[in-house]
Amino acid sequence: MRYVIFLCSILIASLKGYAQDSVITGSSKERLKGYRFFFKGESHEFPVENANSLFVLVKHLHTNNNVRYLVMECGPDQAFLANQYLETGNDSLLEASRLYLGKGLWQKLYVFNSQLPAREKIEVLGFDFNRYVYSSKAIKYMFPDNTYFPGNDQLNAVLQEITDWDTVAWDMGRQKDFSKYMDNLRESNVLNDPGVKKRLGKNYAAFEAIINNQSPATPQVKRDRKVIAQLTGQMPGLVKGNFLFNYGIAHVFLDGEGAANILFTNNEFRNQVCSIYPFYSLEKTGSKTLATINKYLPSGFRNELGRYPAYSLVSLEEKKIYPGEFKKAQWILVIK
């Protein structure tokens, strides 16, 4: 059969003792080297499976591929809160901020990070649009005593308006209303006030990133162009290592119009972009999303993937399927 997959003898011998916290790559492990940007796709319909597979992939790529930055499908506001948790391990912050993919993922990342030297720790980045449920909490966290700038009544009023949103339940329809308050904050010339920089200290860079975030809450392509523009604009200062993106599957297609494709079609980065397509071998009766995702794959190959252990990374280039029949990615991650 065209898609018969041969696992090396070492891999076969190891399956009996296989633990669900590591990635199996078979004989293709070396093929991941040389990439700088790894895009892991996901269907948002499966948060538990996505969280588990992301943690496994973070550990694997950190150890083997120098990944030090985790780029989530979020703005700099949620990224700030995630980094504060990874730094402090304060579970009350985790509960209050409700970070994407749930507390289990972030608690495991905290434990993993705490065992690493400072220069090797995972740092979360966010270049997507702000969401008021995170912007308000992030800015409030930066002013823990609930006081802002004594004597500057105008600036204090604007900051109070923003932080008052920290208890408002998420509703995309209200984001536009909140954006008006962020506009007021930008127009207050707050970033040029030396007192603000002094007051915020190490948090000033995150405060600036939240205020100046240019990614719009719009459909994918326009957003992704802003995301990649902001990433590349900041790259001179991002020198710790490589990047793992966790984004919705449409954003990671190499033949689409999303973030991965934008980098992949840029001659400067083309050979540095790796797209990892999720194969969900799940029994989800009536899941239209699962059916849509899996139908992209050639049926024979899809059946073979179903027999792989969870968290196997399969090279499509090695199987000679890419760039022939399946142009969306170079790799498949099996998720069970």
Protein backbone atom coordinates (compact mmCIF):
# COMPACT_ATOMS: atom_id res chain seq x y z
CA MET A 1 0.00 0.00 0.00
CA ARG A 2 1.23 3.46 -0.94
CA TYR A 3 1.11 4.83 2.57
CA VAL A 4 2.61 1.91 4.49
CA ILE A 5 4.74 3.33 7.26
CA PHE A 6 7.80 1.57 8.56
CA LEU A 7 8.87 2.39 12.09
CA CYS A 8 12.45 1.79 13.03
CA SER A 9 13.14 -1.22 15.23
CA ILE A 10 14.11 0.96 18.16
CA LEU A 11 10.76 2.70 18.05
CA ILE A 12 8.84 -0.59 17.90
CA ALA A 13 10.74 -1.93 20.89
CA SER A 14 9.99 1.21 22.86
CA LEU A 15 6.23 1.28 22.36
CA LYS A 16 5.52 -1.10 25.24
CA GLY A 17 6.94 1.35 27.75
CA TYR A 18 5.75 4.44 25.95
CA ALA A 19 4.70 7.30 28.23
CA GLN A 20 2.14 9.88 27.17
CA ASP A 21 4.43 12.78 27.97
CA SER A 22 6.87 12.53 25.10
CA VAL A 23 6.90 12.86 21.33
CA ILE A 24 7.65 9.88 19.11
CA THR A 25 9.31 10.86 15.85
CA GLY A 26 10.60 7.52 14.61
CA SER A 27 13.54 7.87 12.25
CA SER A 28 12.54 11.44 11.31
CA LYS A 29 13.79 13.27 14.40
CA GLU A 30 16.72 14.92 12.66
CA ARG A 31 14.43 16.37 10.00
CA LEU A 32 12.99 18.91 12.46
CA LYS A 33 16.36 20.60 12.80
CA GLY A 34 16.92 23.80 10.87
CA TYR A 35 13.49 25.30 11.45
CA ARG A 36 13.06 28.52 13.39
CA PHE A 37 9.26 28.91 13.41
CA PHE A 38 7.04 25.95 14.34
CA PHE A 39 3.30 26.38 13.78
CA LYS A 40 1.11 23.88 15.64
CA GLY A 41 -2.45 23.89 14.33
CA GLU A 42 -5.49 23.06 16.43
CA SER A 43 -9.24 22.82 16.26
CA HIS A 44 -10.61 24.90 19.11
CA GLU A 45 -13.32 22.25 19.57
CA PHE A 46 -10.92 19.97 21.50
CA PRO A 47 -9.36 22.04 24.33
CA VAL A 48 -8.24 19.14 26.52
CA GLU A 49 -6.50 17.32 23.68
CA ASN A 50 -4.98 20.58 22.47
CA ALA A 51 -3.59 21.45 25.90
CA ASN A 52 -2.06 18.01 26.39
CA SER A 53 -0.46 17.87 22.96
CA LEU A 54 0.84 21.44 23.22
CA PHE A 55 2.63 20.70 26.47
CA VAL A 56 4.25 17.60 25.00
CA LEU A 57 5.35 19.54 21.93
CA VAL A 58 6.72 22.45 23.98
CA LYS A 59 8.93 20.09 25.96
CA HIS A 60 10.10 18.24 22.87
CA LEU A 61 10.94 21.33 20.83
CA HIS A 62 12.53 23.04 23.82
CA THR A 63 14.89 20.11 24.33
CA ASN A 64 15.64 19.30 20.70
CA ASN A 65 15.02 22.46 18.68
CA ASN A 66 15.93 25.41 20.91
CA VAL A 67 12.34 26.69 21.17
CA ARG A 68 12.19 29.37 23.85
CA TYR A 69 9.16 31.42 22.77
CA LEU A 70 5.57 30.17 22.89
CA VAL A 71 3.38 32.36 20.65
CA MET A 72 -0.27 31.91 21.59
CA GLU A 73 -3.30 33.04 19.62
CA CYS A 74 -3.72 35.96 21.98
CA GLY A 75 -2.73 39.57 22.47
CA PRO A 76 0.13 40.94 24.58
CA ASP A 77 -2.37 41.38 27.42
CA GLN A 78 -2.94 37.63 27.94
CA ALA A 79 0.75 36.94 27.23
CA PHE A 80 1.68 39.28 30.09
CA LEU A 81 -0.60 37.45 32.51
CA ALA A 82 0.75 34.07 31.37
CA ASN A 83 4.33 35.19 31.94
CA GLN A 84 3.45 36.55 35.37
CA TYR A 85 2.05 33.16 36.30
CA LEU A 86 5.07 31.30 34.89
CA GLU A 87 7.29 33.59 36.96
CA THR A 88 5.37 33.46 40.24
CA GLY A 89 3.33 30.24 40.22
CA ASN A 90 0.58 32.23 41.94
CA ASP A 91 -2.53 30.10 41.42
CA SER A 92 -4.85 32.95 42.39
CA LEU A 93 -3.57 34.88 39.38
CA LEU A 94 -4.16 31.81 37.23
CA GLU A 95 -7.72 31.40 38.48
CA ALA A 96 -8.52 35.10 38.01
CA SER A 97 -7.06 35.43 34.52
CA ARG A 98 -8.57 32.23 33.02
CA LEU A 99 -5.74 31.70 30.56
CA TYR A 100 -6.45 29.92 27.29
CA LEU A 101 -6.44 26.09 27.39
CA GLY A 102 -6.94 25.96 31.14
CA LYS A 103 -5.00 25.91 34.36
CA GLY A 104 -3.70 22.34 33.92
CA LEU A 105 -1.53 23.36 30.97
CA TRP A 106 -0.11 26.43 32.70
CA GLN A 107 0.60 24.59 35.93
CA LYS A 108 2.60 21.98 34.01
CA LEU A 109 4.44 24.70 32.12
CA TYR A 110 5.23 26.43 35.41
CA VAL A 111 6.77 23.26 36.85
CA PHE A 112 8.71 22.67 33.64
CA ASN A 113 9.96 26.27 33.53
CA SER A 114 10.92 26.36 37.21
CA GLN A 115 13.50 23.64 36.60
CA LEU A 116 15.27 25.61 33.87
CA PRO A 117 17.98 28.27 34.13
CA ALA A 118 16.76 31.81 33.40
CA ARG A 119 18.22 31.93 29.90
CA GLU A 120 16.36 28.74 28.89
CA LYS A 121 12.89 29.45 30.30
CA ILE A 122 9.87 29.50 28.00
CA GLU A 123 8.48 33.01 27.43
CA VAL A 124 4.94 33.56 26.15
CA LEU A 125 4.38 36.05 23.33
CA GLY A 126 1.13 37.44 21.98
CA PHE A 127 0.72 39.47 18.81
CA ASP A 128 -2.99 38.90 18.19
CA PHE A 129 -5.74 41.35 19.19
CA ASN A 130 -6.34 42.44 22.78
CA ARG A 131 -9.41 41.18 24.61
CA TYR A 132 -10.85 43.31 27.39
CA VAL A 133 -11.04 40.35 29.77
CA TYR A 134 -7.21 40.27 29.68
CA SER A 135 -6.33 43.93 29.04
CA SER A 136 -8.25 45.11 32.09
CA LYS A 137 -6.78 42.39 34.32
CA ALA A 138 -3.24 42.93 33.04
CA ILE A 139 -3.29 46.68 33.64
CA LYS A 140 -4.92 46.22 37.04
CA TYR A 141 -2.21 43.71 37.96
CA MET A 142 0.42 46.32 37.15
CA PHE A 143 -1.08 48.63 39.79
CA PRO A 144 -1.67 46.24 42.71
CA ASP A 145 -2.45 48.95 45.26
CA ASN A 146 -5.29 50.33 43.09
CA THR A 147 -3.64 53.72 42.89
CA TYR A 148 -2.34 55.11 39.64
CA PHE A 149 -0.74 58.54 39.41
CA PRO A 150 -1.61 60.97 42.22
CA GLY A 151 -2.30 64.42 40.85
CA ASN A 152 -3.01 63.24 37.29
CA ASP A 153 -6.78 63.04 37.49
CA GLN A 154 -7.31 62.68 33.73
CA LEU A 155 -4.97 59.69 33.38
CA ASN A 156 -6.31 58.11 36.56
CA ALA A 157 -9.86 58.34 35.25
CA VAL A 158 -8.93 56.60 32.00
CA LEU A 159 -7.07 53.81 33.80
CA GLN A 160 -9.98 53.34 36.18
CA GLU A 161 -12.38 53.01 33.25
CA ILE A 162 -10.19 50.27 31.78
CA THR A 163 -9.64 48.27 34.97
CA ASP A 164 -13.35 48.39 35.81
CA TRP A 165 -13.83 45.90 32.95
CA ASP A 166 -11.97 43.14 34.79
CA THR A 167 -15.23 41.61 36.06
CA VAL A 168 -17.19 41.89 32.80
CA ALA A 169 -17.91 38.50 31.20
CA TRP A 170 -16.45 38.02 27.73
CA ASP A 171 -18.63 39.14 24.85
CA MET A 172 -17.02 39.84 21.49
CA GLY A 173 -19.73 42.39 20.78
CA ARG A 174 -18.48 44.53 23.67
CA GLN A 175 -14.86 44.59 22.53
CA LYS A 176 -15.51 47.60 20.30
CA ASP A 177 -16.89 49.53 23.27
CA PHE A 178 -13.81 48.71 25.33
CA SER A 179 -11.51 49.75 22.48
CA LYS A 180 -12.70 53.34 22.91
CA TYR A 181 -11.18 53.42 26.39
CA MET A 182 -7.90 52.06 25.01
CA ASP A 183 -7.99 54.81 22.40
CA ASN A 184 -8.39 57.34 25.20
CA LEU A 185 -5.38 55.86 26.96
CA ARG A 186 -3.26 56.12 23.82
CA GLU A 187 -4.39 59.71 23.29
CA SER A 188 -3.43 60.60 26.86
CA ASN A 189 0.22 60.48 25.79
CA VAL A 190 0.83 58.18 28.75
CA LEU A 191 3.84 56.45 27.18
CA ASN A 192 5.77 59.71 27.01
CA ASP A 193 5.32 60.40 30.71
CA PRO A 194 8.61 59.56 32.50
CA GLY A 195 6.63 58.99 35.69
CA VAL A 196 4.76 56.12 34.07
CA LYS A 197 7.92 54.33 33.02
CA LYS A 198 9.39 54.75 36.49
CA ARG A 199 6.25 53.55 38.20
CA LEU A 200 5.85 50.42 36.07
CA GLY A 201 9.51 49.40 35.98
CA LYS A 202 9.98 46.01 34.30
CA ASN A 203 6.28 45.93 33.38
CA TYR A 204 6.54 49.03 31.23
CA ALA A 205 7.40 47.07 28.05
CA ALA A 206 4.27 44.93 28.43
CA PHE A 207 2.16 48.03 29.19
CA GLU A 208 3.49 49.66 26.02
CA ALA A 209 2.84 46.51 23.94
CA ILE A 210 -0.77 46.31 25.14
CA ILE A 211 -1.47 49.98 24.41
CA ASN A 212 0.25 49.96 21.01
CA ASN A 213 -1.06 46.58 19.83
CA GLN A 214 -2.17 47.04 16.22
CA SER A 215 -3.80 43.65 15.54
CA PRO A 216 -7.50 44.16 14.81
CA ALA A 217 -10.36 41.97 16.00
CA THR A 218 -11.17 41.09 12.39
CA PRO A 219 -11.20 38.00 10.16
CA GLN A 220 -8.08 35.92 9.90
CA VAL A 221 -6.00 37.29 7.02
CA LYS A 222 -5.95 40.94 8.04
CA ARG A 223 -5.20 39.93 11.62
CA ASP A 224 -2.41 37.58 10.64
CA ARG A 225 -0.64 40.19 8.56
CA LYS A 226 -0.54 42.46 11.60
CA VAL A 227 0.55 39.56 13.80
CA ILE A 228 3.51 38.72 11.58
CA ALA A 229 4.40 42.39 11.09
CA GLN A 230 4.56 42.89 14.84
CA LEU A 231 6.55 39.68 15.30
CA THR A 232 9.17 40.57 12.71
CA GLY A 233 9.35 44.10 14.05
CA GLN A 234 10.28 42.78 17.48
CA MET A 235 12.55 39.97 16.33
CA PRO A 236 15.83 41.91 16.80
CA GLY A 237 15.13 41.74 20.54
CA LEU A 238 13.94 38.11 20.56
CA VAL A 239 17.28 36.34 20.59
CA LYS A 240 16.83 33.53 23.15
CA GLY A 241 15.81 30.90 20.64
CA ASN A 242 13.14 29.63 18.26
CA PHE A 243 9.36 30.04 18.19
CA LEU A 244 6.41 27.67 18.64
CA PHE A 245 3.02 29.06 17.56
CA ASN A 246 -0.20 27.56 18.90
CA TYR A 247 -2.93 28.77 16.53
CA GLY A 248 -6.18 27.65 14.96
CA ILE A 249 -5.57 25.26 12.11
CA ALA A 250 -6.44 27.71 9.30
CA HIS A 251 -3.65 30.03 10.47
CA VAL A 252 -0.94 27.37 10.02
CA PHE A 253 -1.62 26.14 6.47
CA LEU A 254 1.34 26.60 4.15
CA ASP A 255 -1.04 26.85 1.19
CA GLY A 256 -3.49 29.19 2.92
CA GLU A 257 -3.42 32.87 3.68
CA GLY A 258 -2.65 32.77 7.39
CA ALA A 259 0.37 33.52 9.54
CA ALA A 260 2.46 30.48 8.55
CA ASN A 261 1.93 31.15 4.86
CA ILE A 262 2.88 34.82 5.28
CA LEU A 263 6.25 33.81 6.72
CA PHE A 264 6.63 30.83 4.38
CA THR A 265 6.24 32.98 1.26
CA ASN A 266 8.75 35.54 2.54
CA ASN A 267 12.10 34.68 0.98
CA GLU A 268 13.90 35.68 4.18
CA PHE A 269 12.10 33.02 6.25
CA ARG A 270 10.85 30.41 3.77
CA ASN A 271 13.19 27.58 4.76
CA GLN A 272 12.73 28.32 8.48
CA VAL A 273 8.97 27.68 8.71
CA CYS A 274 7.55 24.34 9.88
CA SER A 275 3.81 23.67 9.84
CA ILE A 276 2.46 20.88 12.07
CA TYR A 277 -1.01 19.66 11.13
CA PRO A 278 -3.16 18.05 13.85
CA PHE A 279 -4.67 14.63 13.21
CA TYR A 280 -7.37 13.95 15.78
CA SER A 281 -7.92 10.21 16.01
CA LEU A 282 -10.97 10.74 18.21
CA GLU A 283 -14.37 9.13 18.25
CA LYS A 284 -16.56 12.24 18.34
CA THR A 285 -19.97 11.34 16.97
CA GLY A 286 -21.46 14.18 15.00
CA SER A 287 -18.35 16.36 15.10
CA LYS A 288 -18.46 18.32 11.86
CA THR A 289 -15.18 19.99 12.74
CA LEU A 290 -13.37 16.68 13.08
CA ALA A 291 -14.79 15.45 9.80
CA THR A 292 -13.69 18.63 8.03
CA ILE A 293 -10.16 18.45 9.39
CA ASN A 294 -9.57 14.78 8.69
CA LYS A 295 -11.05 14.82 5.19
CA TYR A 296 -8.08 16.85 3.97
CA LEU A 297 -5.81 13.83 4.42
CA PRO A 298 -5.59 11.03 1.85
CA SER A 299 -7.80 8.23 3.17
CA GLY A 300 -5.13 5.53 3.13
CA PHE A 301 -2.70 7.69 5.02
CA ARG A 302 -5.42 8.74 7.47
CA ASN A 303 -6.01 5.10 8.35
CA GLU A 304 -2.31 4.58 8.95
CA LEU A 305 -2.16 7.61 11.24
CA GLY A 306 -4.94 6.15 13.36
CA ARG A 307 -2.59 3.32 14.36
CA TYR A 308 0.17 5.63 15.60
CA PRO A 309 0.61 6.26 19.34
CA ALA A 310 -0.53 9.63 20.65
CA TYR A 311 1.88 12.51 20.05
CA SER A 312 3.67 10.89 17.16
CA LEU A 313 5.23 13.38 14.77
CA VAL A 314 5.08 12.15 11.21
CA SER A 315 7.15 13.74 8.45
CA LEU A 316 5.12 14.24 5.29
CA GLU A 317 8.26 15.04 3.33
CA GLU A 318 9.72 11.68 4.31
CA LYS A 319 6.51 9.93 3.28
CA LYS A 320 6.64 11.77 -0.05
CA ILE A 321 3.13 13.13 0.46
CA TYR A 322 4.37 16.71 0.80
CA PRO A 323 4.56 18.73 -1.39
CA GLY A 324 2.47 16.48 -3.61
CA GLU A 325 -1.01 15.56 -2.41
CA PHE A 326 -0.98 17.42 0.89
CA LYS A 327 0.45 20.94 0.72
CA LYS A 328 -0.89 22.30 3.98
CA ALA A 329 1.98 21.24 6.23
CA GLN A 330 5.27 19.36 6.39
CA TRP A 331 4.38 17.41 9.53
CA ILE A 332 1.44 15.68 11.21
CA LEU A 333 0.97 15.50 14.98
CA VAL A 334 -1.23 12.59 16.06
CA ILE A 335 -3.60 13.63 18.85
CA LYS A 336 -5.71 11.08 20.73
